[in-house]
Protein backbone atom coordinates (compact mmCIF):
# COMPACT_ATOMS: atom_id res chain seq x y z
CA MET A 1 -1.44 -3.98 19.72
CA ILE A 2 -0.06 -2.18 16.69
CA ALA A 3 -3.24 -0.87 15.10
CA LYS A 4 -4.59 2.48 16.22
CA ILE A 5 -7.96 3.97 15.51
CA PHE A 6 -7.98 7.75 15.30
CA PRO A 7 -8.01 10.41 16.59
CA LEU A 8 -4.25 10.38 17.03
CA HIS A 9 -2.28 13.37 18.29
CA TYR A 10 1.27 14.05 17.30
CA GLY A 11 3.60 16.96 17.72
CA ASP A 12 1.16 18.89 19.95
CA PRO A 13 2.61 21.84 21.80
CA MET A 14 3.24 21.17 25.46
CA SER A 15 0.65 22.39 27.89
CA GLU A 16 1.25 23.80 31.33
CA THR A 17 0.14 20.50 32.87
CA SER A 18 3.01 18.70 31.19
CA GLY A 19 5.60 20.74 33.03
CA ARG A 20 6.88 22.40 29.83
CA PRO A 21 5.62 25.66 28.43
CA ALA A 22 3.66 25.55 25.16
CA GLU A 23 5.84 28.24 23.64
CA GLN A 24 8.71 25.74 23.38
CA GLY A 25 6.91 24.29 20.33
CA PRO A 26 6.16 20.71 19.29
CA ARG A 27 7.89 17.82 21.01
CA ALA A 28 9.98 15.36 19.06
CA GLU A 29 7.90 12.21 18.72
CA ARG A 30 8.27 8.75 17.24
CA HIS A 31 5.74 5.92 16.99
CA ARG A 32 7.14 2.42 17.52
CA GLY A 33 4.33 -0.05 17.12
CA ALA A 34 1.89 0.64 19.92
CA VAL A 35 4.47 2.73 21.77
CA THR A 36 4.86 6.51 21.46
CA LEU A 37 8.28 7.94 22.32
CA ARG A 38 9.12 11.59 22.89
CA ASN A 39 12.26 13.63 23.44
CA GLN A 40 14.99 11.79 25.39
CA ALA A 41 13.11 8.48 25.16
CA ILE A 42 13.62 8.35 21.38
CA PRO A 43 16.47 5.92 20.54
CA SER A 44 19.17 6.90 18.09
CA SER A 45 18.26 4.10 15.64
CA THR A 46 15.11 2.45 14.32
CA ALA A 47 14.02 -1.19 14.56
CA ASP A 48 14.84 -1.67 10.85
CA GLN A 49 18.34 -0.31 11.37
CA ARG A 50 19.02 -2.60 14.28
CA LEU A 51 17.65 -5.60 12.39
CA LEU A 52 19.74 -4.99 9.25
CA ASP A 53 22.98 -3.81 10.88
CA SER A 54 25.51 -6.60 10.24
CA ARG A 55 27.69 -5.33 13.07
CA GLY A 56 25.12 -6.66 15.52
CA ARG A 57 25.36 -10.30 14.46
CA GLY A 58 26.75 -11.29 17.81
CA ASP A 59 23.35 -10.55 19.35
CA TRP A 60 21.35 -12.81 17.05
CA LYS A 61 20.93 -15.65 19.58
CA THR A 62 19.47 -13.38 22.22
CA LYS A 63 17.70 -10.70 20.20
CA ASP A 64 16.82 -11.83 16.67
CA ALA A 65 14.50 -14.60 17.86
CA TRP A 66 12.45 -12.00 19.67
CA ARG A 67 12.58 -9.75 16.62
CA ALA A 68 11.07 -12.61 14.59
CA LEU A 69 8.09 -12.69 16.96
CA ARG A 70 7.75 -8.92 16.74
CA ILE A 71 7.82 -9.12 12.94
CA LEU A 72 5.18 -11.85 13.04
CA SER A 73 3.02 -9.68 15.26
CA GLU A 74 3.15 -6.87 12.71
CA PHE A 75 1.92 -9.17 9.96
CA VAL A 76 -0.83 -10.61 12.19
CA GLU A 77 -2.00 -7.18 13.30
CA GLY A 78 -1.91 -5.81 9.77
CA PHE A 79 -3.82 -8.75 8.31
CA ASP A 80 -6.39 -8.68 11.10
CA THR A 81 -6.95 -4.92 10.90
CA LEU A 82 -7.16 -4.61 7.12
CA ALA A 83 -8.98 -7.85 6.28
CA ASP A 84 -12.39 -6.16 6.25
CA LEU A 85 -11.38 -3.21 4.07
CA PRO A 86 -13.54 -2.49 1.04
CA PRO A 87 -11.74 -2.47 -2.32
CA ALA A 88 -8.83 -0.07 -1.93
CA VAL A 89 -6.16 1.79 -3.91
CA SER A 90 -2.70 2.63 -2.56
CA VAL A 91 -1.56 6.17 -3.37
CA PHE A 92 2.11 7.19 -3.16
CA GLY A 93 3.92 10.49 -3.42
CA SER A 94 6.30 12.83 -1.69
CA ALA A 95 5.97 13.74 1.97
CA ARG A 96 7.84 16.94 1.13
CA SER A 97 5.29 18.37 -1.30
CA LYS A 98 3.65 21.60 -0.14
CA PRO A 99 -0.14 21.70 0.30
CA ASP A 100 -0.53 24.15 -2.59
CA SER A 101 1.72 22.19 -4.98
CA PRO A 102 0.24 20.77 -8.21
CA GLU A 103 0.78 17.19 -7.05
CA CYS A 104 -1.03 17.79 -3.75
CA ARG A 105 -3.99 19.35 -5.53
CA LEU A 106 -4.01 16.39 -7.92
CA ALA A 107 -3.78 13.91 -5.02
CA GLU A 108 -6.69 15.51 -3.21
CA GLU A 109 -8.82 15.37 -6.35
CA LEU A 110 -7.77 11.76 -6.88
CA GLY A 111 -8.63 10.76 -3.31
CA GLY A 112 -12.11 12.17 -3.72
CA ALA A 113 -12.65 10.46 -7.07
CA LEU A 114 -11.51 7.10 -5.73
CA ALA A 115 -13.82 7.42 -2.72
CA ARG A 116 -16.78 8.23 -4.96
CA ALA A 117 -15.93 5.18 -7.07
CA GLY A 118 -16.20 3.00 -3.94
CA TYR A 119 -12.52 2.60 -3.06
CA ALA A 120 -10.78 3.13 0.24
CA VAL A 121 -7.56 5.13 -0.08
CA ILE A 122 -4.36 3.75 1.48
CA THR A 123 -1.30 5.97 1.91
CA GLY A 124 1.82 6.02 4.05
CA GLY A 125 -0.14 8.26 6.40
CA GLY A 126 2.37 11.12 6.29
CA PRO A 127 2.21 14.72 5.11
CA GLY A 128 2.43 16.10 1.57
CA VAL A 129 0.88 14.03 -1.20
CA MET A 130 -0.19 11.35 1.27
CA GLU A 131 -2.13 13.80 3.41
CA ALA A 132 -3.76 15.35 0.33
CA ALA A 133 -4.99 11.95 -0.90
CA ASN A 134 -6.30 11.05 2.57
CA ARG A 135 -8.03 14.41 2.80
CA GLY A 136 -9.69 14.05 -0.58
CA ALA A 137 -11.00 10.60 0.35
CA GLY A 138 -12.19 11.75 3.76
CA GLU A 139 -14.01 14.81 2.48
CA ALA A 140 -15.74 12.65 -0.15
CA GLY A 141 -17.01 10.30 2.56
CA GLY A 142 -14.59 7.46 1.83
CA LEU A 143 -12.42 5.43 4.17
CA SER A 144 -8.92 6.85 4.58
CA VAL A 145 -6.14 4.50 5.70
CA GLY A 146 -2.60 5.38 6.80
CA LEU A 147 0.23 2.86 7.16
CA GLY A 148 2.90 4.67 9.16
CA ILE A 149 6.53 3.70 9.67
CA GLU A 150 9.13 4.33 12.35
CA LEU A 151 11.69 6.75 10.86
CA PRO A 152 14.45 8.90 12.40
CA PHE A 153 12.80 11.98 10.86
CA GLU A 154 9.21 10.85 11.37
CA GLN A 155 6.63 13.59 10.96
CA GLY A 156 3.65 11.69 12.33
CA LEU A 157 0.40 10.45 10.84
CA ASN A 158 -1.80 13.08 9.25
CA ASP A 159 -5.16 14.08 10.70
CA TRP A 160 -7.19 12.83 7.72
CA VAL A 161 -6.51 9.15 8.40
CA ASP A 162 -9.49 7.18 9.76
CA LEU A 163 -7.65 3.92 10.30
CA ALA A 164 -3.94 3.88 11.12
CA ILE A 165 -1.34 1.20 11.67
CA ASP A 166 2.19 2.03 12.83
CA PHE A 167 4.89 -0.36 11.62
CA ARG A 168 8.45 -0.90 12.77
CA TYR A 169 9.53 -2.81 9.66
CA PHE A 170 9.32 -1.62 6.06
CA PHE A 171 8.79 -5.08 4.59
CA ALA A 172 5.72 -5.78 6.75
CA ARG A 173 4.27 -2.40 5.81
CA LYS A 174 4.98 -2.87 2.10
CA THR A 175 3.15 -6.19 2.13
CA MET A 176 0.01 -4.42 3.37
CA PHE A 177 0.21 -1.81 0.61
CA VAL A 178 0.02 -4.55 -2.02
CA LYS A 179 -2.14 -7.19 -0.33
CA TYR A 180 -5.09 -4.90 0.38
CA ALA A 181 -5.03 -2.74 -2.77
CA GLN A 182 -6.50 -3.28 -6.21
CA ALA A 183 -4.12 -0.74 -7.78
CA PHE A 184 -1.26 1.69 -7.19
CA VAL A 185 -1.37 5.34 -8.12
CA VAL A 186 2.03 7.03 -7.97
CA LEU A 187 2.39 10.81 -7.90
CA PRO A 188 5.66 12.79 -7.90
CA GLY A 189 7.93 11.66 -5.09
CA GLY A 190 11.42 10.64 -4.06
CA PHE A 191 13.29 7.44 -3.22
CA GLY A 192 10.45 5.90 -1.21
CA THR A 193 7.98 6.56 -4.01
CA MET A 194 10.36 5.05 -6.57
CA ASP A 195 10.83 2.02 -4.33
CA GLU A 196 7.09 1.36 -4.21
CA LEU A 197 6.71 1.98 -7.95
CA PHE A 198 9.37 -0.50 -9.04
CA GLU A 199 8.34 -3.09 -6.49
CA ALA A 200 4.80 -2.98 -7.88
CA LEU A 201 6.06 -3.23 -11.46
CA THR A 202 8.27 -6.19 -10.53
CA LEU A 203 5.37 -8.01 -8.90
CA VAL A 204 3.16 -7.48 -11.96
CA GLN A 205 5.92 -8.34 -14.45
CA THR A 206 6.74 -11.61 -12.66
CA GLY A 207 3.10 -12.58 -12.20
CA LYS A 208 3.18 -12.41 -8.41
CA VAL A 209 0.08 -10.20 -8.58
CA THR A 210 -2.55 -10.39 -11.32
CA ARG A 211 -4.11 -7.50 -13.21
CA PHE A 212 -2.67 -4.91 -10.85
CA PRO A 213 -2.92 -1.47 -12.49
CA VAL A 214 0.00 0.91 -11.91
CA VAL A 215 -0.85 4.52 -12.70
CA LEU A 216 1.69 7.34 -12.87
CA MET A 217 0.20 10.80 -12.46
CA GLY A 218 2.31 13.75 -13.54
CA ILE A 219 3.36 13.38 -17.17
CA ASP A 220 6.02 16.09 -17.00
CA TYR A 221 7.53 14.72 -13.78
CA TRP A 222 7.75 11.11 -14.98
CA GLY A 223 8.67 11.91 -18.60
CA GLY A 224 12.43 11.62 -18.14
CA LEU A 225 12.15 8.29 -16.32
CA LEU A 226 9.84 6.87 -18.98
CA ASP A 227 12.19 8.01 -21.75
CA TRP A 228 15.06 6.19 -20.00
CA LEU A 229 12.99 3.06 -19.50
CA ARG A 230 12.13 3.01 -23.19
CA ASP A 231 15.41 4.22 -24.74
CA SER A 232 17.84 2.44 -22.42
CA MET A 233 16.25 -0.37 -20.45
CA ALA A 234 13.84 -1.65 -23.11
CA ALA A 235 16.16 -0.83 -26.04
CA GLU A 236 18.91 -2.96 -24.52
CA GLY A 237 16.54 -5.83 -23.78
CA LYS A 238 16.66 -5.47 -20.00
CA ILE A 239 12.84 -5.50 -19.95
CA GLY A 240 10.41 -7.01 -22.43
CA PRO A 241 8.78 -5.11 -25.30
CA GLY A 242 5.41 -5.09 -23.53
CA ASP A 243 6.61 -4.26 -20.03
CA LEU A 244 6.11 -0.52 -20.48
CA ASP A 245 2.45 -1.27 -21.19
CA LEU A 246 2.14 -2.17 -17.51
CA ILE A 247 2.20 1.57 -16.74
CA CYS A 248 -0.68 3.97 -17.35
CA VAL A 249 0.55 7.59 -17.47
CA THR A 250 -1.90 10.45 -17.18
CA ASP A 251 -2.69 13.83 -15.67
CA ASP A 252 -6.42 13.14 -15.78
CA VAL A 253 -7.98 11.90 -12.53
CA ASN A 254 -11.02 10.51 -14.32
CA GLU A 255 -8.82 8.54 -16.70
CA ALA A 256 -6.81 7.13 -13.79
CA VAL A 257 -9.92 5.98 -11.93
CA ARG A 258 -11.48 4.59 -15.12
CA HIS A 259 -8.32 2.58 -15.82
CA ILE A 260 -8.51 1.04 -12.33
CA VAL A 261 -12.24 0.27 -12.56
CA GLU A 262 -11.90 -1.30 -16.02
CA ALA A 263 -8.96 -3.45 -14.93
CA GLU A 264 -10.99 -4.73 -11.98
CA ALA A 265 -13.94 -5.49 -14.25
CA VAL A 266 -11.73 -7.47 -16.63
CA LEU A 267 -10.25 -9.46 -13.76
CA SER A 268 -13.71 -10.19 -12.32
CA ALA A 269 -14.91 -11.40 -15.73
CA GLU A 270 -11.87 -13.66 -16.12
CA GLN A 271 -12.34 -15.11 -12.65
CA GLU A 272 -16.02 -15.76 -13.34
CA ALA A 273 -15.12 -17.50 -16.60
CA VAL A 274 -12.63 -19.70 -14.74
CA ARG A 275 -15.29 -20.61 -12.17
CA GLU A 276 -17.83 -21.45 -14.87
CA GLU A 277 -15.27 -23.59 -16.70
CA ALA A 278 -14.45 -25.44 -13.49
CA VAL A 279 -18.17 -26.10 -12.79
CA ALA A 280 -18.71 -27.32 -16.35
CA ARG A 281 -15.68 -29.61 -16.12
CA VAL A 282 -16.91 -31.16 -12.88
CA ALA A 283 -20.37 -31.68 -14.36
CA ALA A 284 -18.89 -33.31 -17.46
CA ASP A 285 -16.71 -35.60 -15.34
CA GLN A 286 -19.72 -36.64 -13.26
CA GLN A 287 -21.75 -37.32 -16.40
CA ALA A 288 -18.94 -39.39 -17.90
CA ALA A 289 -18.56 -41.36 -14.69
CA ALA A 290 -22.30 -42.08 -14.59
CA GLU A 291 -22.33 -43.27 -18.19
CA ALA A 292 -19.32 -45.52 -17.60
CA ALA A 293 -20.79 -47.18 -14.50
CA PRO A 294 -21.51 -50.98 -15.05
CA GLU A 295 -25.11 -52.12 -15.30
CA GLY A 296 -26.63 -54.09 -12.42
CA PRO A 297 -29.39 -56.75 -12.42
CA ALA A 298 -32.34 -56.08 -14.72
CA GLY A 299 -30.45 -53.33 -16.46
CA GLU A 300 -30.00 -51.32 -13.33
CA ARG A 301 -26.82 -49.40 -12.96
């Protein structure tokens, strides 16, 4: 099994019963699916590295087939575990942000506001902005979800996660972030945050997901990127004139949540209109078929 229901413990100091004194500090630890590795048991590479390393092609007949089954198991476990989530929002941001940083304070406020609006909060389950968003949701009584990943420098899942899944493969994890969320909120972060941001924008731009709000929080932080998108990418025709409208930029938590709620309401109304149109079309077809039916004896149809 890959899914884990908390409490989880990571990086705990060693006790006397473990044979190592507590004063030696936290043990190195890595989660690999359902397996927890510590110290010398931690391999020098991750499952993603071994999968993508072209130098290992000679092993594909004996190893990659098994990797395919392992990848399948991650999708099955993720789908099964998250299928019953309430409406949710995925929140991204730096694992390196300090608890007293502006973005962490903003993330905690956001997590609480989303929970009060009826959304579960999904993060990468790590420290920094992710932990702050999970904490805000948890303290507001909402469901807090963490989707962890096996990394060489893994810091473990934070203590505010109620439901956790550990993944070996980034692409399986990234599918869960999109499939079970109604929106993305992106706070200041690094390469991983940028990866999630542009993947979401690509999915919306290409119509792979419908009415999927993408909110950037931190106007000052994102200002330079937005200027470049407008003055270089859009100006040179690399993106369409309306593509920048896919992004909502704000420092206001209430505005961010309102944007998400309104987008969901619009989508619900459109879906209901489509259903009503389909019902009306079927009824009209049935009526037309009845009127076109030949008459039987004595005028009976």
